[in-house]
Amino acid sequence: ICFTSDKITKSGGKYIAQGKLTLHGVTKTIEIPLTFQDNK
């Protein structure tokens, strides 16, 4: 199950990783909300 980001932006206090998720042979563009703190 693979995710490759196309771009990462900041929105408010969070980041949004937009990219392609490939799962079960299907690839879709999705947005994944992220927080980043202490290398996590």
ModelCIF file with pLDDT and N, C-alpha, C, O atoms, coordinates in Angstrom:
data_MODEL
#
_entry.id   MODEL 
#
_entity.id                         1 
_entity.type                       polymer 
_entity.pdbx_number_of_molecules   1 
#
_entity_poly.entity_id                      1 
_entity_poly.type                           'polypeptide(L)' 
_entity_poly.nstd_linkage                   no 
_entity_poly.nstd_monomer                   no 
_entity_poly.pdbx_seq_one_letter_code       ICFTSDKITKSGGKYIAQGKLTLHGVTKTIEIPLTFQDNK 
_entity_poly.pdbx_seq_one_letter_code_can   ICFTSDKITKSGGKYIAQGKLTLHGVTKTIEIPLTFQDNK 
_entity_poly.pdbx_strand_id                 A 
#
loop_
_entity_poly_seq.entity_id 
_entity_poly_seq.num 
_entity_poly_seq.mon_id 
_entity_poly_seq.hetero 
1 1  ILE n 
1 2  CYS n 
1 3  PHE n 
1 4  THR n 
1 5  SER n 
1 6  ASP n 
1 7  LYS n 
1 8  ILE n 
1 9  THR n 
1 10 LYS n 
1 11 SER n 
1 12 GLY n 
1 13 GLY n 
1 14 LYS n 
1 15 TYR n 
1 16 ILE n 
1 17 ALA n 
1 18 GLN n 
1 19 GLY n 
1 20 LYS n 
1 21 LEU n 
1 22 THR n 
1 23 LEU n 
1 24 HIS n 
1 25 GLY n 
1 26 VAL n 
1 27 THR n 
1 28 LYS n 
1 29 THR n 
1 30 ILE n 
1 31 GLU n 
1 32 ILE n 
1 33 PRO n 
1 34 LEU n 
1 35 THR n 
1 36 PHE n 
1 37 GLN n 
1 38 ASP n 
1 39 ASN n 
1 40 LYS n 
#
_struct_asym.id          A 
_struct_asym.entity_id   1 
#
loop_
_ma_qa_metric.id 
_ma_qa_metric.mode 
_ma_qa_metric.name 
_ma_qa_metric.software_group_id 
_ma_qa_metric.type 
1 global pLDDT . pLDDT 
2 local  pLDDT . pLDDT 
#
_ma_qa_metric_global.metric_id      1 
_ma_qa_metric_global.metric_value   95.50 
_ma_qa_metric_global.model_id       1 
_ma_qa_metric_global.ordinal_id     1 
#
loop_
_ma_qa_metric_local.label_asym_id 
_ma_qa_metric_local.label_comp_id 
_ma_qa_metric_local.label_seq_id 
_ma_qa_metric_local.metric_id 
_ma_qa_metric_local.metric_value 
_ma_qa_metric_local.model_id 
_ma_qa_metric_local.ordinal_id 
A ILE 1  2 97.00 1 1  
A CYS 2  2 97.00 1 2  
A PHE 3  2 97.00 1 3  
A THR 4  2 98.00 1 4  
A SER 5  2 97.00 1 5  
A ASP 6  2 97.00 1 6  
A LYS 7  2 96.00 1 7  
A ILE 8  2 97.00 1 8  
A THR 9  2 97.00 1 9  
A LYS 10 2 95.00 1 10 
A SER 11 2 89.00 1 11 
A GLY 12 2 87.00 1 12 
A GLY 13 2 85.00 1 13 
A LYS 14 2 92.00 1 14 
A TYR 15 2 97.00 1 15 
A ILE 16 2 97.00 1 16 
A ALA 17 2 97.00 1 17 
A GLN 18 2 98.00 1 18 
A GLY 19 2 98.00 1 19 
A LYS 20 2 98.00 1 20 
A LEU 21 2 98.00 1 21 
A THR 22 2 98.00 1 22 
A LEU 23 2 97.00 1 23 
A HIS 24 2 96.00 1 24 
A GLY 25 2 96.00 1 25 
A VAL 26 2 97.00 1 26 
A THR 27 2 98.00 1 27 
A LYS 28 2 98.00 1 28 
A THR 29 2 98.00 1 29 
A ILE 30 2 98.00 1 30 
A GLU 31 2 97.00 1 31 
A ILE 32 2 97.00 1 32 
A PRO 33 2 97.00 1 33 
A LEU 34 2 96.00 1 34 
A THR 35 2 95.00 1 35 
A PHE 36 2 93.00 1 36 
A GLN 37 2 92.00 1 37 
A ASP 38 2 90.00 1 38 
A ASN 39 2 90.00 1 39 
A LYS 40 2 93.00 1 40 
#
loop_
_atom_site.group_PDB 
_atom_site.id 
_atom_site.type_symbol 
_atom_site.label_atom_id 
_atom_site.label_alt_id 
_atom_site.label_comp_id 
_atom_site.label_asym_id 
_atom_site.label_entity_id 
_atom_site.label_seq_id 
_atom_site.pdbx_PDB_ins_code 
_atom_site.Cartn_x 
_atom_site.Cartn_y 
_atom_site.Cartn_z 
_atom_site.occupancy 
_atom_site.B_iso_or_equiv 
_atom_site.pdbx_formal_charge 
_atom_site.auth_seq_id 
_atom_site.auth_comp_id 
_atom_site.auth_asym_id 
_atom_site.auth_atom_id 
_atom_site.pdbx_PDB_model_num 
ATOM 1   N N  . ILE A 1 1  ? 0.893  -1.151 0.000  1.00 97.00 ? 1  ILE A N  1 
ATOM 2   C CA . ILE A 1 1  ? 0.000  0.000  0.000  1.00 97.00 ? 1  ILE A CA 1 
ATOM 3   C C  . ILE A 1 1  ? 0.935  1.205  0.000  1.00 97.00 ? 1  ILE A C  1 
ATOM 4   O O  . ILE A 1 1  ? 1.684  1.409  0.955  1.00 97.00 ? 1  ILE A O  1 
ATOM 5   N N  . CYS A 1 2  ? 0.895  2.006  -1.068 1.00 97.00 ? 2  CYS A N  1 
ATOM 6   C CA . CYS A 1 2  ? 1.890  3.072  -1.215 1.00 97.00 ? 2  CYS A CA 1 
ATOM 7   C C  . CYS A 1 2  ? 1.257  4.445  -1.348 1.00 97.00 ? 2  CYS A C  1 
ATOM 8   O O  . CYS A 1 2  ? 0.207  4.610  -1.969 1.00 97.00 ? 2  CYS A O  1 
ATOM 9   N N  . PHE A 1 3  ? 1.922  5.425  -0.749 1.00 97.00 ? 3  PHE A N  1 
ATOM 10  C CA . PHE A 1 3  ? 1.526  6.826  -0.888 1.00 97.00 ? 3  PHE A CA 1 
ATOM 11  C C  . PHE A 1 3  ? 2.744  7.624  -1.317 1.00 97.00 ? 3  PHE A C  1 
ATOM 12  O O  . PHE A 1 3  ? 3.816  7.524  -0.721 1.00 97.00 ? 3  PHE A O  1 
ATOM 13  N N  . THR A 1 4  ? 2.558  8.424  -2.371 1.00 98.00 ? 4  THR A N  1 
ATOM 14  C CA . THR A 1 4  ? 3.600  9.334  -2.840 1.00 98.00 ? 4  THR A CA 1 
ATOM 15  C C  . THR A 1 4  ? 2.981  10.718 -2.939 1.00 98.00 ? 4  THR A C  1 
ATOM 16  O O  . THR A 1 4  ? 2.010  10.922 -3.667 1.00 98.00 ? 4  THR A O  1 
ATOM 17  N N  . SER A 1 5  ? 3.541  11.659 -2.211 1.00 97.00 ? 5  SER A N  1 
ATOM 18  C CA . SER A 1 5  ? 2.987  13.009 -2.228 1.00 97.00 ? 5  SER A CA 1 
ATOM 19  C C  . SER A 1 5  ? 3.388  13.742 -3.501 1.00 97.00 ? 5  SER A C  1 
ATOM 20  O O  . SER A 1 5  ? 4.477  13.546 -4.039 1.00 97.00 ? 5  SER A O  1 
ATOM 21  N N  . ASP A 1 6  ? 2.477  14.592 -3.966 1.00 97.00 ? 6  ASP A N  1 
ATOM 22  C CA . ASP A 1 6  ? 2.758  15.503 -5.069 1.00 97.00 ? 6  ASP A CA 1 
ATOM 23  C C  . ASP A 1 6  ? 3.144  16.873 -4.525 1.00 97.00 ? 6  ASP A C  1 
ATOM 24  O O  . ASP A 1 6  ? 3.993  17.569 -5.082 1.00 97.00 ? 6  ASP A O  1 
ATOM 25  N N  . LYS A 1 7  ? 2.491  17.244 -3.408 1.00 96.00 ? 7  LYS A N  1 
ATOM 26  C CA . LYS A 1 7  ? 2.824  18.504 -2.749 1.00 96.00 ? 7  LYS A CA 1 
ATOM 27  C C  . LYS A 1 7  ? 2.332  18.455 -1.309 1.00 96.00 ? 7  LYS A C  1 
ATOM 28  O O  . LYS A 1 7  ? 1.412  17.713 -0.967 1.00 96.00 ? 7  LYS A O  1 
ATOM 29  N N  . ILE A 1 8  ? 2.974  19.266 -0.482 1.00 97.00 ? 8  ILE A N  1 
ATOM 30  C CA . ILE A 1 8  ? 2.574  19.391 0.914  1.00 97.00 ? 8  ILE A CA 1 
ATOM 31  C C  . ILE A 1 8  ? 2.417  20.881 1.190  1.00 97.00 ? 8  ILE A C  1 
ATOM 32  O O  . ILE A 1 8  ? 3.308  21.683 0.907  1.00 97.00 ? 8  ILE A O  1 
ATOM 33  N N  . THR A 1 9  ? 1.265  21.230 1.747  1.00 97.00 ? 9  THR A N  1 
ATOM 34  C CA . THR A 1 9  ? 0.985  22.625 2.057  1.00 97.00 ? 9  THR A CA 1 
ATOM 35  C C  . THR A 1 9  ? 0.605  22.747 3.522  1.00 97.00 ? 9  THR A C  1 
ATOM 36  O O  . THR A 1 9  ? 0.356  21.753 4.205  1.00 97.00 ? 9  THR A O  1 
ATOM 37  N N  . LYS A 1 10 ? 0.565  23.987 3.989  1.00 95.00 ? 10 LYS A N  1 
ATOM 38  C CA . LYS A 1 10 ? 0.158  24.235 5.370  1.00 95.00 ? 10 LYS A CA 1 
ATOM 39  C C  . LYS A 1 10 ? -1.212 24.890 5.345  1.00 95.00 ? 10 LYS A C  1 
ATOM 40  O O  . LYS A 1 10 ? -1.464 25.798 4.554  1.00 95.00 ? 10 LYS A O  1 
ATOM 41  N N  . SER A 1 11 ? -2.093 24.423 6.218  1.00 89.00 ? 11 SER A N  1 
ATOM 42  C CA . SER A 1 11 ? -3.430 24.979 6.343  1.00 89.00 ? 11 SER A CA 1 
ATOM 43  C C  . SER A 1 11 ? -3.752 25.088 7.824  1.00 89.00 ? 11 SER A C  1 
ATOM 44  O O  . SER A 1 11 ? -3.965 24.083 8.501  1.00 89.00 ? 11 SER A O  1 
ATOM 45  N N  . GLY A 1 12 ? -3.785 26.316 8.316  1.00 87.00 ? 12 GLY A N  1 
ATOM 46  C CA . GLY A 1 12 ? -3.982 26.506 9.752  1.00 87.00 ? 12 GLY A CA 1 
ATOM 47  C C  . GLY A 1 12 ? -2.792 25.933 10.496 1.00 87.00 ? 12 GLY A C  1 
ATOM 48  O O  . GLY A 1 12 ? -1.649 26.223 10.143 1.00 87.00 ? 12 GLY A O  1 
ATOM 49  N N  . GLY A 1 13 ? -3.032 25.133 11.507 1.00 85.00 ? 13 GLY A N  1 
ATOM 50  C CA . GLY A 1 13 ? -1.953 24.517 12.269 1.00 85.00 ? 13 GLY A CA 1 
ATOM 51  C C  . GLY A 1 13 ? -1.541 23.155 11.755 1.00 85.00 ? 13 GLY A C  1 
ATOM 52  O O  . GLY A 1 13 ? -0.705 22.486 12.362 1.00 85.00 ? 13 GLY A O  1 
ATOM 53  N N  . LYS A 1 14 ? -2.128 22.733 10.626 1.00 92.00 ? 14 LYS A N  1 
ATOM 54  C CA . LYS A 1 14 ? -1.832 21.400 10.088 1.00 92.00 ? 14 LYS A CA 1 
ATOM 55  C C  . LYS A 1 14 ? -1.226 21.508 8.701  1.00 92.00 ? 14 LYS A C  1 
ATOM 56  O O  . LYS A 1 14 ? -1.237 22.561 8.063  1.00 92.00 ? 14 LYS A O  1 
ATOM 57  N N  . TYR A 1 15 ? -0.702 20.382 8.266  1.00 97.00 ? 15 TYR A N  1 
ATOM 58  C CA . TYR A 1 15 ? -0.173 20.259 6.921  1.00 97.00 ? 15 TYR A CA 1 
ATOM 59  C C  . TYR A 1 15 ? -1.100 19.332 6.146  1.00 97.00 ? 15 TYR A C  1 
ATOM 60  O O  . TYR A 1 15 ? -1.759 18.468 6.724  1.00 97.00 ? 15 TYR A O  1 
ATOM 61  N N  . ILE A 1 16 ? -1.141 19.519 4.840  1.00 97.00 ? 16 ILE A N  1 
ATOM 62  C CA . ILE A 1 16 ? -1.935 18.664 3.968  1.00 97.00 ? 16 ILE A CA 1 
ATOM 63  C C  . ILE A 1 16 ? -0.996 18.072 2.927  1.00 97.00 ? 16 ILE A C  1 
ATOM 64  O O  . ILE A 1 16 ? -0.370 18.797 2.154  1.00 97.00 ? 16 ILE A O  1 
ATOM 65  N N  . ALA A 1 17 ? -0.904 16.740 2.917  1.00 97.00 ? 17 ALA A N  1 
ATOM 66  C CA . ALA A 1 17 ? -0.111 16.044 1.901  1.00 97.00 ? 17 ALA A CA 1 
ATOM 67  C C  . ALA A 1 17 ? -1.080 15.587 0.821  1.00 97.00 ? 17 ALA A C  1 
ATOM 68  O O  . ALA A 1 17 ? -1.936 14.735 1.060  1.00 97.00 ? 17 ALA A O  1 
ATOM 69  N N  . GLN A 1 18 ? -0.939 16.155 -0.360 1.00 98.00 ? 18 GLN A N  1 
ATOM 70  C CA . GLN A 1 18 ? -1.750 15.729 -1.488 1.00 98.00 ? 18 GLN A CA 1 
ATOM 71  C C  . GLN A 1 18 ? -0.897 14.804 -2.342 1.00 98.00 ? 18 GLN A C  1 
ATOM 72  O O  . GLN A 1 18 ? 0.249  15.121 -2.660 1.00 98.00 ? 18 GLN A O  1 
ATOM 73  N N  . GLY A 1 19 ? -1.458 13.664 -2.708 1.00 98.00 ? 19 GLY A N  1 
ATOM 74  C CA . GLY A 1 19 ? -0.685 12.724 -3.499 1.00 98.00 ? 19 GLY A CA 1 
ATOM 75  C C  . GLY A 1 19 ? -1.498 11.525 -3.910 1.00 98.00 ? 19 GLY A C  1 
ATOM 76  O O  . GLY A 1 19 ? -2.726 11.519 -3.821 1.00 98.00 ? 19 GLY A O  1 
ATOM 77  N N  . LYS A 1 20 ? -0.797 10.518 -4.357 1.00 98.00 ? 20 LYS A N  1 
ATOM 78  C CA . LYS A 1 20 ? -1.450 9.328  -4.881 1.00 98.00 ? 20 LYS A CA 1 
ATOM 79  C C  . LYS A 1 20 ? -1.302 8.154  -3.914 1.00 98.00 ? 20 LYS A C  1 
ATOM 80  O O  . LYS A 1 20 ? -0.201 7.795  -3.498 1.00 98.00 ? 20 LYS A O  1 
ATOM 81  N N  . LEU A 1 21 ? -2.448 7.574  -3.575 1.00 98.00 ? 21 LEU A N  1 
ATOM 82  C CA . LEU A 1 21 ? -2.482 6.373  -2.745 1.00 98.00 ? 21 LEU A CA 1 
ATOM 83  C C  . LEU A 1 21 ? -2.811 5.202  -3.662 1.00 98.00 ? 21 LEU A C  1 
ATOM 84  O O  . LEU A 1 21 ? -3.824 5.214  -4.362 1.00 98.00 ? 21 LEU A O  1 
ATOM 85  N N  . THR A 1 22 ? -1.952 4.198  -3.653 1.00 98.00 ? 22 THR A N  1 
ATOM 86  C CA . THR A 1 22 ? -2.197 2.979  -4.417 1.00 98.00 ? 22 THR A CA 1 
ATOM 87  C C  . THR A 1 22 ? -2.465 1.859  -3.428 1.00 98.00 ? 22 THR A C  1 
ATOM 88  O O  . THR A 1 22 ? -1.623 1.514  -2.599 1.00 98.00 ? 22 THR A O  1 
ATOM 89  N N  . LEU A 1 23 ? -3.656 1.306  -3.540 1.00 97.00 ? 23 LEU A N  1 
ATOM 90  C CA . LEU A 1 23 ? -4.127 0.284  -2.615 1.00 97.00 ? 23 LEU A CA 1 
ATOM 91  C C  . LEU A 1 23 ? -4.937 -0.722 -3.411 1.00 97.00 ? 23 LEU A C  1 
ATOM 92  O O  . LEU A 1 23 ? -5.891 -0.349 -4.094 1.00 97.00 ? 23 LEU A O  1 
ATOM 93  N N  . HIS A 1 24 ? -4.570 -1.988 -3.331 1.00 96.00 ? 24 HIS A N  1 
ATOM 94  C CA . HIS A 1 24 ? -5.310 -3.053 -3.998 1.00 96.00 ? 24 HIS A CA 1 
ATOM 95  C C  . HIS A 1 24 ? -5.395 -2.814 -5.507 1.00 96.00 ? 24 HIS A C  1 
ATOM 96  O O  . HIS A 1 24 ? -6.413 -3.103 -6.136 1.00 96.00 ? 24 HIS A O  1 
ATOM 97  N N  . GLY A 1 25 ? -4.310 -2.283 -6.077 1.00 96.00 ? 25 GLY A N  1 
ATOM 98  C CA . GLY A 1 25 ? -4.234 -2.065 -7.521 1.00 96.00 ? 25 GLY A CA 1 
ATOM 99  C C  . GLY A 1 25 ? -4.957 -0.831 -8.022 1.00 96.00 ? 25 GLY A C  1 
ATOM 100 O O  . GLY A 1 25 ? -5.006 -0.594 -9.229 1.00 96.00 ? 25 GLY A O  1 
ATOM 101 N N  . VAL A 1 26 ? -5.518 -0.040 -7.122 1.00 97.00 ? 26 VAL A N  1 
ATOM 102 C CA . VAL A 1 26 ? -6.249 1.176  -7.487 1.00 97.00 ? 26 VAL A CA 1 
ATOM 103 C C  . VAL A 1 26 ? -5.449 2.378  -6.980 1.00 97.00 ? 26 VAL A C  1 
ATOM 104 O O  . VAL A 1 26 ? -5.029 2.419  -5.824 1.00 97.00 ? 26 VAL A O  1 
ATOM 105 N N  . THR A 1 27 ? -5.249 3.357  -7.871 1.00 98.00 ? 27 THR A N  1 
ATOM 106 C CA . THR A 1 27 ? -4.535 4.571  -7.490 1.00 98.00 ? 27 THR A CA 1 
ATOM 107 C C  . THR A 1 27 ? -5.499 5.748  -7.540 1.00 98.00 ? 27 THR A C  1 
ATOM 108 O O  . THR A 1 27 ? -6.164 5.981  -8.549 1.00 98.00 ? 27 THR A O  1 
ATOM 109 N N  . LYS A 1 28 ? -5.566 6.481  -6.444 1.00 98.00 ? 28 LYS A N  1 
ATOM 110 C CA . LYS A 1 28 ? -6.426 7.669  -6.349 1.00 98.00 ? 28 LYS A CA 1 
ATOM 111 C C  . LYS A 1 28 ? -5.638 8.805  -5.714 1.00 98.00 ? 28 LYS A C  1 
ATOM 112 O O  . LYS A 1 28 ? -4.766 8.590  -4.872 1.00 98.00 ? 28 LYS A O  1 
ATOM 113 N N  . THR A 1 29 ? -5.967 10.019 -6.140 1.00 98.00 ? 29 THR A N  1 
ATOM 114 C CA . THR A 1 29 ? -5.390 11.204 -5.516 1.00 98.00 ? 29 THR A CA 1 
ATOM 115 C C  . THR A 1 29 ? -6.192 11.502 -4.257 1.00 98.00 ? 29 THR A C  1 
ATOM 116 O O  . THR A 1 29 ? -7.417 11.609 -4.294 1.00 98.00 ? 29 THR A O  1 
ATOM 117 N N  . ILE A 1 30 ? -5.480 11.634 -3.144 1.00 98.00 ? 30 ILE A N  1 
ATOM 118 C CA . ILE A 1 30 ? -6.136 11.927 -1.869 1.00 98.00 ? 30 ILE A CA 1 
ATOM 119 C C  . ILE A 1 30 ? -5.363 13.036 -1.154 1.00 98.00 ? 30 ILE A C  1 
ATOM 120 O O  . ILE A 1 30 ? -4.247 13.391 -1.533 1.00 98.00 ? 30 ILE A O  1 
ATOM 121 N N  . GLU A 1 31 ? -5.987 13.562 -0.123 1.00 97.00 ? 31 GLU A N  1 
ATOM 122 C CA . GLU A 1 31 ? -5.329 14.516 0.763  1.00 97.00 ? 31 GLU A CA 1 
ATOM 123 C C  . GLU A 1 31 ? -5.270 13.905 2.157  1.00 97.00 ? 31 GLU A C  1 
ATOM 124 O O  . GLU A 1 31 ? -6.272 13.429 2.690  1.00 97.00 ? 31 GLU A O  1 
ATOM 125 N N  . ILE A 1 32 ? -4.082 13.931 2.726  1.00 97.00 ? 32 ILE A N  1 
ATOM 126 C CA . ILE A 1 32 ? -3.885 13.386 4.064  1.00 97.00 ? 32 ILE A CA 1 
ATOM 127 C C  . ILE A 1 32 ? -3.480 14.533 4.988  1.00 97.00 ? 32 ILE A C  1 
ATOM 128 O O  . ILE A 1 32 ? -2.448 15.166 4.769  1.00 97.00 ? 32 ILE A O  1 
ATOM 129 N N  . PRO A 1 33 ? -4.286 14.808 6.026  1.00 97.00 ? 33 PRO A N  1 
ATOM 130 C CA . PRO A 1 33 ? -3.917 15.844 6.990  1.00 97.00 ? 33 PRO A CA 1 
ATOM 131 C C  . PRO A 1 33 ? -2.791 15.332 7.890  1.00 97.00 ? 33 PRO A C  1 
ATOM 132 O O  . PRO A 1 33 ? -2.791 14.174 8.307  1.00 97.00 ? 33 PRO A O  1 
ATOM 133 N N  . LEU A 1 34 ? -1.839 16.209 8.178  1.00 96.00 ? 34 LEU A N  1 
ATOM 134 C CA . LEU A 1 34 ? -0.674 15.820 8.977  1.00 96.00 ? 34 LEU A CA 1 
ATOM 135 C C  . LEU A 1 34 ? -0.396 16.840 10.069 1.00 96.00 ? 34 LEU A C  1 
ATOM 136 O O  . LEU A 1 34 ? -0.649 18.035 9.913  1.00 96.00 ? 34 LEU A O  1 
ATOM 137 N N  . THR A 1 35 ? 0.122  16.344 11.160 1.00 95.00 ? 35 THR A N  1 
ATOM 138 C CA . THR A 1 35 ? 0.774  17.207 12.137 1.00 95.00 ? 35 THR A CA 1 
ATOM 139 C C  . THR A 1 35 ? 2.215  16.725 12.239 1.00 95.00 ? 35 THR A C  1 
ATOM 140 O O  . THR A 1 35 ? 2.505  15.549 12.019 1.00 95.00 ? 35 THR A O  1 
ATOM 141 N N  . PHE A 1 36 ? 3.098  17.630 12.570 1.00 93.00 ? 36 PHE A N  1 
ATOM 142 C CA . PHE A 1 36 ? 4.520  17.288 12.670 1.00 93.00 ? 36 PHE A CA 1 
ATOM 143 C C  . PHE A 1 36 ? 5.065  17.874 13.961 1.00 93.00 ? 36 PHE A C  1 
ATOM 144 O O  . PHE A 1 36 ? 5.011  19.082 14.192 1.00 93.00 ? 36 PHE A O  1 
ATOM 145 N N  . GLN A 1 37 ? 5.589  16.991 14.790 1.00 92.00 ? 37 GLN A N  1 
ATOM 146 C CA . GLN A 1 37 ? 6.180  17.437 16.055 1.00 92.00 ? 37 GLN A CA 1 
ATOM 147 C C  . GLN A 1 37 ? 7.187  16.397 16.513 1.00 92.00 ? 37 GLN A C  1 
ATOM 148 O O  . GLN A 1 37 ? 6.916  15.197 16.478 1.00 92.00 ? 37 GLN A O  1 
ATOM 149 N N  . ASP A 1 38 ? 8.337  16.862 16.939 1.00 90.00 ? 38 ASP A N  1 
ATOM 150 C CA . ASP A 1 38 ? 9.384  15.987 17.482 1.00 90.00 ? 38 ASP A CA 1 
ATOM 151 C C  . ASP A 1 38 ? 9.721  14.835 16.536 1.00 90.00 ? 38 ASP A C  1 
ATOM 152 O O  . ASP A 1 38 ? 9.814  13.684 16.963 1.00 90.00 ? 38 ASP A O  1 
ATOM 153 N N  . ASN A 1 39 ? 9.902  15.144 15.262 1.00 90.00 ? 39 ASN A N  1 
ATOM 154 C CA . ASN A 1 39 ? 10.233 14.149 14.227 1.00 90.00 ? 39 ASN A CA 1 
ATOM 155 C C  . ASN A 1 39 ? 9.189  13.043 14.108 1.00 90.00 ? 39 ASN A C  1 
ATOM 156 O O  . ASN A 1 39 ? 9.521  11.890 13.834 1.00 90.00 ? 39 ASN A O  1 
ATOM 157 N N  . LYS A 1 40 ? 7.938  13.402 14.316 1.00 93.00 ? 40 LYS A N  1 
ATOM 158 C CA . LYS A 1 40 ? 6.843  12.445 14.185 1.00 93.00 ? 40 LYS A CA 1 
ATOM 159 C C  . LYS A 1 40 ? 5.731  13.074 13.358 1.00 93.00 ? 40 LYS A C  1 
ATOM 160 O O  . LYS A 1 40 ? 4.704  12.438 13.121 1.00 93.00 ? 40 LYS A O  1 
#
